[in-house]
N, C-alpha and C. Protein backbone atom coordinates (compact mmCIF):
# COMPACT_ATOMS: atom_id res chain seq x y z
N UNK A 1 70.90 5.79 59.27
CA UNK A 1 70.81 6.07 58.11
C UNK A 1 70.16 8.05 58.69
N UNK A 2 69.96 8.65 57.53
CA UNK A 2 69.65 10.11 57.62
C UNK A 2 68.30 10.58 56.49
N UNK A 3 67.56 10.82 56.39
CA UNK A 3 67.56 11.57 55.85
C UNK A 3 67.19 12.65 54.74
N UNK A 4 66.87 14.34 53.90
CA UNK A 4 67.31 15.07 53.47
C UNK A 4 67.13 15.76 51.90
N UNK A 5 65.82 17.30 52.33
CA UNK A 5 65.78 17.82 51.51
C UNK A 5 66.71 18.60 50.51
N UNK A 6 66.34 18.27 49.50
CA UNK A 6 67.89 19.75 48.10
C UNK A 6 65.84 19.89 47.35
N UNK A 7 66.10 21.18 47.25
CA UNK A 7 65.51 21.69 46.19
C UNK A 7 66.08 23.02 45.62
N UNK A 8 65.48 23.14 44.55
CA UNK A 8 65.90 24.62 43.93
C UNK A 8 64.72 25.52 42.58
N UNK A 9 64.51 26.40 42.54
CA UNK A 9 62.85 27.27 42.10
C UNK A 9 63.36 27.52 41.12
N UNK A 10 62.70 27.23 40.07
CA UNK A 10 62.52 28.07 38.65
C UNK A 10 64.01 28.21 37.65
N UNK A 11 64.80 27.25 37.74
CA UNK A 11 65.84 26.74 36.96
C UNK A 11 65.96 27.25 35.86
N UNK A 12 66.76 27.65 34.78
CA UNK A 12 66.28 27.62 33.12
C UNK A 12 67.44 25.94 32.71
N UNK A 13 66.82 25.31 32.48
CA UNK A 13 67.09 24.45 32.29
C UNK A 13 67.77 24.29 30.52
N UNK A 14 69.29 23.56 30.97
CA UNK A 14 70.47 24.10 29.80
C UNK A 14 69.89 22.74 29.20
N UNK A 15 70.12 21.76 27.94
CA UNK A 15 69.69 19.87 28.21
C UNK A 15 70.75 18.95 27.79
N UNK A 16 71.29 18.35 28.11
CA UNK A 16 72.41 17.83 28.31
C UNK A 16 73.09 18.28 29.36
N UNK A 17 72.80 18.83 30.59
CA UNK A 17 73.79 19.74 31.33
C UNK A 17 72.56 19.58 32.52
N UNK A 18 73.04 18.76 33.89
CA UNK A 18 72.58 18.44 34.72
C UNK A 18 72.33 19.38 36.10
N UNK A 19 70.76 19.02 36.25
CA UNK A 19 70.27 20.91 37.34
C UNK A 19 70.99 20.43 38.73
N UNK A 20 70.66 18.93 39.33
CA UNK A 20 71.98 18.85 39.78
C UNK A 20 72.96 17.42 40.12
N UNK A 21 73.60 17.60 40.96
CA UNK A 21 74.14 16.23 40.82
C UNK A 21 74.09 16.00 41.94
N UNK A 22 74.41 15.05 42.67
CA UNK A 22 73.97 14.10 44.00
C UNK A 22 75.39 12.94 43.96
N UNK A 23 76.60 13.57 44.39
CA UNK A 23 77.14 12.91 44.48
C UNK A 23 77.49 12.16 46.05
N UNK A 24 77.71 10.82 46.05
CA UNK A 24 78.05 9.59 47.51
C UNK A 24 79.36 10.07 48.53
N UNK A 25 79.58 10.75 49.38
CA UNK A 25 79.88 10.21 49.55
C UNK A 25 81.40 8.39 49.37
N UNK A 26 83.07 9.20 50.19
CA UNK A 26 82.90 8.07 50.83
C UNK A 26 82.03 6.78 52.00
N UNK A 27 82.27 5.57 51.28
CA UNK A 27 82.12 3.99 52.07
C UNK A 27 80.39 4.98 52.76
N UNK A 28 79.43 5.64 52.58
CA UNK A 28 78.46 5.90 52.39
C UNK A 28 77.39 5.80 50.58
N UNK A 29 75.96 5.16 50.55
CA UNK A 29 75.38 5.43 50.32
C UNK A 29 74.23 6.62 50.19
N UNK A 30 73.48 7.00 49.05
CA UNK A 30 72.35 7.30 49.03
C UNK A 30 71.76 7.55 48.10
N UNK A 31 69.75 7.39 48.67
CA UNK A 31 69.25 6.65 47.40
C UNK A 31 67.73 8.09 47.13
N UNK A 32 67.83 8.40 45.92
CA UNK A 32 66.52 9.50 45.83
C UNK A 32 65.32 8.69 46.43
N UNK A 33 64.75 9.11 47.10
CA UNK A 33 63.65 7.49 47.39
C UNK A 33 62.05 8.73 47.19
N UNK A 34 62.10 9.61 47.18
CA UNK A 34 60.83 10.95 45.55
C UNK A 34 61.56 12.79 45.34
N UNK A 35 61.13 11.94 43.92
CA UNK A 35 61.44 13.30 42.77
C UNK A 35 59.74 13.83 42.88
N UNK A 36 60.39 15.03 43.23
CA UNK A 36 59.35 16.07 42.29
C UNK A 36 59.76 17.21 41.07
N UNK A 37 59.47 16.51 39.66
CA UNK A 37 59.58 18.73 38.72
C UNK A 37 57.79 18.86 38.35
N UNK A 38 58.75 20.68 39.05
CA UNK A 38 57.49 21.40 38.22
C UNK A 38 57.93 21.55 37.24
N UNK A 39 57.23 22.85 36.15
CA UNK A 39 57.20 23.01 34.50
C UNK A 39 56.01 24.38 35.28
N UNK A 40 56.78 25.68 34.77
CA UNK A 40 55.78 26.78 34.68
C UNK A 40 55.58 26.88 34.26
N UNK A 41 55.24 26.60 33.10
CA UNK A 41 55.01 27.19 31.10
C UNK A 41 54.29 28.28 30.97
N UNK A 42 54.23 28.24 30.08
CA UNK A 42 52.87 28.94 29.32
C UNK A 42 52.65 28.19 27.64
N UNK A 43 51.28 28.38 27.55
CA UNK A 43 51.14 27.62 26.27
C UNK A 43 51.83 27.32 25.27
N UNK A 44 52.58 29.08 24.61
CA UNK A 44 53.51 29.01 24.33
C UNK A 44 55.76 28.44 24.46
N UNK A 45 55.41 27.86 25.70
CA UNK A 45 56.59 27.29 26.25
C UNK A 45 56.60 25.13 26.06
N UNK A 46 57.78 24.92 25.64
CA UNK A 46 58.61 24.17 25.54
C UNK A 46 57.98 23.71 25.75
N UNK A 47 57.82 21.78 25.87
CA UNK A 47 57.03 20.75 26.23
C UNK A 47 58.77 19.97 26.94
N UNK A 48 59.32 20.11 28.81
CA UNK A 48 60.27 19.41 29.29
C UNK A 48 60.25 18.13 29.51
N UNK A 49 61.57 17.07 29.47
CA UNK A 49 61.58 15.96 29.81
C UNK A 49 62.52 16.17 30.82
N UNK A 50 62.27 15.23 32.18
CA UNK A 50 63.50 15.87 32.77
C UNK A 50 63.20 13.88 33.66
N UNK A 51 64.81 13.91 33.36
CA UNK A 51 65.33 12.95 33.28
C UNK A 51 67.00 12.67 35.12
N UNK A 52 65.41 11.43 35.80
CA UNK A 52 67.07 11.03 37.20
C UNK A 52 67.89 9.13 36.96
N UNK A 53 68.73 10.01 36.90
CA UNK A 53 69.08 9.03 36.85
C UNK A 53 70.77 8.05 37.39
N UNK A 54 71.30 7.44 37.53
CA UNK A 54 72.99 7.08 38.48
C UNK A 54 73.93 7.23 36.78
N UNK A 55 74.71 8.30 37.25
CA UNK A 55 75.50 8.48 36.16
C UNK A 55 76.43 7.12 36.20
N UNK A 56 76.83 6.59 35.18
CA UNK A 56 77.59 5.32 34.41
C UNK A 56 79.62 6.21 34.15
N UNK A 57 80.59 7.55 34.38
CA UNK A 57 80.62 7.91 35.15
C UNK A 57 80.41 9.23 34.85
N UNK A 58 81.15 9.85 36.43
CA UNK A 58 81.24 10.89 37.40
C UNK A 58 81.55 11.77 36.95
N UNK A 59 81.02 13.58 36.64
CA UNK A 59 81.71 14.60 36.70
C UNK A 59 83.21 14.87 36.88
N UNK A 60 83.30 15.81 36.75
CA UNK A 60 85.06 16.99 36.38
C UNK A 60 84.75 18.07 37.09
N UNK A 61 85.36 18.22 38.55
CA UNK A 61 85.28 19.30 38.34
C UNK A 61 83.87 20.21 38.76
N UNK A 62 83.76 20.02 39.98
CA UNK A 62 81.63 20.80 40.75
C UNK A 62 82.23 21.59 40.80
N UNK A 63 81.24 21.98 41.14
CA UNK A 63 80.43 23.18 41.77
C UNK A 63 79.10 23.85 41.55
N UNK A 64 79.40 24.96 42.09
CA UNK A 64 77.52 24.95 41.96
C UNK A 64 76.62 25.25 43.33
N UNK A 65 77.67 23.65 44.50
CA UNK A 65 76.66 23.75 45.64
C UNK A 65 75.36 23.45 46.08
N UNK A 66 74.86 23.42 46.27
CA UNK A 66 73.15 23.21 47.41
C UNK A 66 73.95 22.66 48.58
N UNK A 67 73.29 22.68 49.96
CA UNK A 67 73.79 22.40 50.79
C UNK A 67 71.98 21.53 52.13
N UNK A 68 72.00 20.36 51.24
CA UNK A 68 71.26 19.64 51.42
C UNK A 68 70.56 19.64 53.38
N UNK A 69 69.11 20.22 53.38
CA UNK A 69 68.73 19.93 55.10
C UNK A 69 68.24 18.43 55.27
N UNK A 70 68.81 18.73 56.47
CA UNK A 70 68.33 17.45 57.39
C UNK A 70 66.69 17.52 57.56
N UNK A 71 65.76 16.80 57.74
CA UNK A 71 64.53 16.95 57.89
C UNK A 71 64.19 16.54 59.26
N UNK A 72 65.23 16.28 60.69
CA UNK A 72 64.71 16.78 61.17
C UNK A 72 65.72 16.78 62.41
N UNK A 73 66.69 17.23 62.58
CA UNK A 73 67.24 18.42 64.33
C UNK A 73 67.37 17.89 65.30
N UNK A 74 68.25 16.51 64.82
CA UNK A 74 69.25 15.67 64.88
C UNK A 74 69.17 14.64 64.43
N UNK A 75 68.91 14.97 63.09
CA UNK A 75 70.04 14.20 61.70
C UNK A 75 71.21 15.29 61.51
N UNK A 76 72.49 15.00 61.11
CA UNK A 76 74.46 15.12 60.52
C UNK A 76 73.24 15.73 59.87
N UNK A 77 74.76 16.76 59.15
CA UNK A 77 75.22 17.06 58.06
C UNK A 77 74.54 16.72 57.05
N UNK A 78 74.94 16.62 55.34
CA UNK A 78 74.71 14.86 55.11
C UNK A 78 76.70 14.89 54.90
N UNK A 79 76.57 13.92 54.28
CA UNK A 79 77.93 14.09 53.26
C UNK A 79 78.24 13.81 52.12
N UNK A 80 76.90 13.23 50.97
CA UNK A 80 76.95 13.73 49.73
C UNK A 80 77.12 15.52 50.35
N UNK A 81 77.40 15.22 48.59
CA UNK A 81 77.09 16.91 47.87
C UNK A 81 75.79 16.91 47.15
N UNK A 82 76.09 18.40 46.65
CA UNK A 82 74.80 18.67 45.61
C UNK A 82 75.52 19.44 44.12
N UNK A 83 76.28 19.13 43.78
CA UNK A 83 76.53 20.16 42.57
C UNK A 83 75.84 20.88 41.61
N UNK A 84 75.34 21.52 41.26
CA UNK A 84 74.45 22.71 40.29
C UNK A 84 75.58 22.47 38.54
N UNK A 85 76.55 22.58 38.31
CA UNK A 85 78.33 22.49 37.70
C UNK A 85 79.27 21.62 37.10
N UNK A 86 79.70 21.61 36.51
CA UNK A 86 80.32 20.91 36.32
C UNK A 86 81.44 21.14 35.19
N UNK A 87 82.66 21.55 35.18
CA UNK A 87 83.19 21.66 33.39
C UNK A 87 83.16 20.07 32.53
N UNK A 88 83.53 19.17 33.59
CA UNK A 88 82.90 18.29 32.57
C UNK A 88 81.06 16.77 33.05
N UNK A 89 80.53 17.43 32.19
CA UNK A 89 78.93 16.57 33.01
C UNK A 89 79.11 14.92 33.10
N UNK A 90 78.51 14.41 34.38
CA UNK A 90 78.76 13.11 34.62
C UNK A 90 78.06 12.92 33.03
N UNK A 91 78.59 11.32 32.64
CA UNK A 91 77.95 10.11 31.34
C UNK A 91 77.15 9.80 31.85
N UNK A 92 75.99 9.79 30.94
CA UNK A 92 74.22 9.59 31.72
C UNK A 92 74.29 7.92 30.83
N UNK A 93 73.68 6.63 31.19
CA UNK A 93 73.53 5.56 30.58
C UNK A 93 72.32 6.26 29.27
N UNK A 94 71.89 5.45 27.94
CA UNK A 94 71.30 5.32 26.95
C UNK A 94 70.01 5.20 27.56
N UNK A 95 69.91 3.95 28.39
CA UNK A 95 68.13 4.19 29.02
C UNK A 95 68.43 3.98 30.48
N UNK A 96 67.65 3.97 31.05
CA UNK A 96 67.30 3.32 32.81
C UNK A 96 66.27 5.24 33.51
N UNK A 97 66.62 4.99 34.79
CA UNK A 97 65.60 5.65 35.35
C UNK A 97 65.00 6.53 35.86
N UNK A 98 64.40 6.79 36.23
CA UNK A 98 63.65 7.53 36.40
C UNK A 98 62.38 9.41 34.78
N UNK A 99 61.92 9.24 34.02
CA UNK A 99 61.51 10.26 33.17
C UNK A 99 60.25 10.72 33.84
N UNK A 100 60.62 12.08 34.11
CA UNK A 100 59.40 12.95 34.01
C UNK A 100 59.30 14.35 32.92
N UNK A 101 57.51 14.40 31.73
CA UNK A 101 57.69 14.28 30.98
C UNK A 101 56.08 15.45 31.79
N UNK A 102 57.39 16.27 30.62
CA UNK A 102 55.98 17.86 31.99
C UNK A 102 55.74 18.72 30.82
N UNK A 103 53.97 19.29 30.99
CA UNK A 103 53.95 19.51 29.32
C UNK A 103 54.45 21.12 29.32
N UNK A 104 54.00 22.48 27.99
CA UNK A 104 54.54 23.02 27.94
C UNK A 104 54.22 24.02 28.78
N UNK A 105 52.34 23.75 29.28
CA UNK A 105 51.36 24.71 29.46
C UNK A 105 51.97 25.07 31.31
N UNK A 106 52.93 23.97 31.61
CA UNK A 106 52.91 23.99 33.56
C UNK A 106 52.19 22.73 33.79
N UNK A 107 52.79 22.01 34.55
CA UNK A 107 52.73 20.83 35.28
C UNK A 107 53.37 19.88 36.54
N UNK A 108 53.44 19.43 37.30
CA UNK A 108 54.16 18.49 38.06
C UNK A 108 54.00 17.14 38.14
N UNK A 109 55.07 16.58 38.06
CA UNK A 109 54.70 15.40 38.23
C UNK A 109 55.97 15.00 39.38
N UNK A 110 55.78 14.00 40.29
CA UNK A 110 55.94 13.67 41.17
C UNK A 110 56.46 11.61 41.30
N UNK A 111 57.44 11.15 41.96
CA UNK A 111 57.31 9.74 42.01
C UNK A 111 58.22 9.62 42.58
N UNK A 112 57.94 8.56 44.16
CA UNK A 112 58.01 7.70 45.39
C UNK A 112 58.31 6.40 45.27
N UNK A 113 59.71 6.55 45.76
CA UNK A 113 60.26 5.04 45.72
C UNK A 113 59.79 4.43 46.92
N UNK A 114 59.81 3.07 47.37
CA UNK A 114 60.48 1.88 48.33
C UNK A 114 62.16 2.34 48.99
N UNK A 115 63.23 2.87 49.88
CA UNK A 115 64.98 2.43 50.03
C UNK A 115 64.63 2.04 48.66
N UNK A 116 64.87 0.47 49.15
CA UNK A 116 65.18 -0.69 48.25
C UNK A 116 64.46 -0.64 46.94
N UNK A 117 64.18 0.10 46.27
CA UNK A 117 63.94 0.07 44.66
C UNK A 117 64.46 1.69 44.80
N UNK A 118 65.00 2.16 45.48
CA UNK A 118 65.07 3.84 44.75
C UNK A 118 66.72 3.79 44.36
N UNK A 119 66.99 4.56 42.76
CA UNK A 119 67.95 5.24 42.24
C UNK A 119 69.52 5.31 44.01
N UNK A 120 69.70 4.40 42.88
CA UNK A 120 71.07 4.35 43.87
C UNK A 120 72.53 4.75 43.97
N UNK A 121 73.75 5.17 45.08
CA UNK A 121 74.57 5.34 44.51
C UNK A 121 75.13 5.32 46.05
N UNK A 122 77.28 4.70 45.57
CA UNK A 122 77.79 4.13 46.68
C UNK A 122 79.31 4.90 46.01
N UNK A 123 80.32 5.31 46.82
CA UNK A 123 81.03 5.37 47.28
C UNK A 123 81.58 6.64 46.41
N UNK A 124 80.89 8.55 46.24
CA UNK A 124 81.20 8.48 44.78
C UNK A 124 81.43 8.50 43.83
N UNK A 125 80.09 7.94 43.57
CA UNK A 125 79.01 7.77 42.54
C UNK A 125 78.38 8.75 41.98
N UNK A 126 77.41 8.80 40.73
CA UNK A 126 76.59 10.67 40.99
C UNK A 126 75.81 10.29 39.99
N UNK A 127 74.75 10.57 40.77
CA UNK A 127 73.36 10.59 40.75
C UNK A 127 72.99 12.41 39.60
N UNK A 128 72.33 11.91 38.80
CA UNK A 128 72.03 12.94 38.32
C UNK A 128 70.43 13.34 38.04
N UNK A 129 70.21 15.07 38.36
CA UNK A 129 69.22 16.12 37.78
C UNK A 129 69.05 15.79 36.32
N UNK A 130 68.14 15.88 34.65
CA UNK A 130 68.68 16.22 34.12
C UNK A 130 67.71 16.85 32.79
N UNK A 131 68.38 17.74 32.38
CA UNK A 131 67.41 18.34 31.53
C UNK A 131 67.62 16.92 30.45
N UNK A 132 66.55 17.05 29.83
CA UNK A 132 66.67 16.01 28.40
C UNK A 132 66.35 16.83 26.64
N UNK A 133 64.94 17.34 27.53
CA UNK A 133 64.44 18.79 26.65
C UNK A 133 63.74 19.61 27.14
N UNK A 134 63.44 20.10 25.73
CA UNK A 134 62.53 21.46 26.46
C UNK A 134 63.24 23.00 27.33
N UNK A 135 62.75 23.57 27.17
CA UNK A 135 63.39 25.20 27.49
C UNK A 135 62.77 25.65 28.85
N UNK A 136 61.74 25.81 29.21
CA UNK A 136 60.51 26.14 30.59
C UNK A 136 60.90 25.76 31.47
N UNK A 137 61.32 27.51 31.73
CA UNK A 137 61.78 26.85 34.18
C UNK A 137 60.95 25.98 34.76
N UNK A 138 62.04 25.38 35.05
CA UNK A 138 61.46 24.28 36.44
C UNK A 138 61.49 24.25 37.39
N UNK A 139 60.93 23.52 38.48
CA UNK A 139 60.76 23.61 39.85
C UNK A 139 61.49 21.91 40.27
N UNK A 140 62.05 22.06 41.71
CA UNK A 140 62.54 19.93 41.59
C UNK A 140 62.45 20.44 43.22
N UNK A 141 62.19 19.28 43.75
CA UNK A 141 62.30 18.79 44.78
C UNK A 141 62.92 17.44 45.56
N UNK A 142 63.62 17.11 46.08
CA UNK A 142 64.13 15.94 45.91
C UNK A 142 64.27 15.37 47.13
N UNK A 143 64.50 14.39 47.59
CA UNK A 143 63.90 13.47 49.66
C UNK A 143 64.95 12.81 49.16
N UNK A 144 65.88 12.44 50.35
CA UNK A 144 67.11 11.48 49.66
C UNK A 144 67.19 10.81 51.33
N UNK A 145 67.74 9.46 50.86
CA UNK A 145 67.72 8.20 52.27
C UNK A 145 69.90 8.19 52.41
N UNK A 146 70.24 8.47 53.64
CA UNK A 146 71.76 8.51 53.61
C UNK A 146 71.97 7.51 54.50
N UNK A 147 72.76 6.24 54.14
CA UNK A 147 72.93 5.43 55.09
C UNK A 147 74.44 5.77 54.72
């Protein structure tokens, strides 16, 4: 088992598109054990709603990959990928996952889970962090376990 961090700063969300999508490697599982989302808005900005959830259908042709960082020097490179763009976005379930509601004038929301409670993906399944509503720039930090 290895742990990785992944972050992006000041991303302008497009509602209905993923901020990042984690794609599990074949014969591996990954779990998001912590997610922090920040909105650095102003009083005139819009309220943001961000969802972290396992996709029901994987995205098509991912791109804009971000390299996950191992939390310790002796950990191997991550086998999973983290895409920021898709030709076709992953399909998300109507309910489920974790919702992060962020006030329009700036806020931070953070959730942590024990590994057995975490949102999990296996064998090329996708986990999406997606903007549901709002247009204020957001930043996020994820902590991910890969087994």
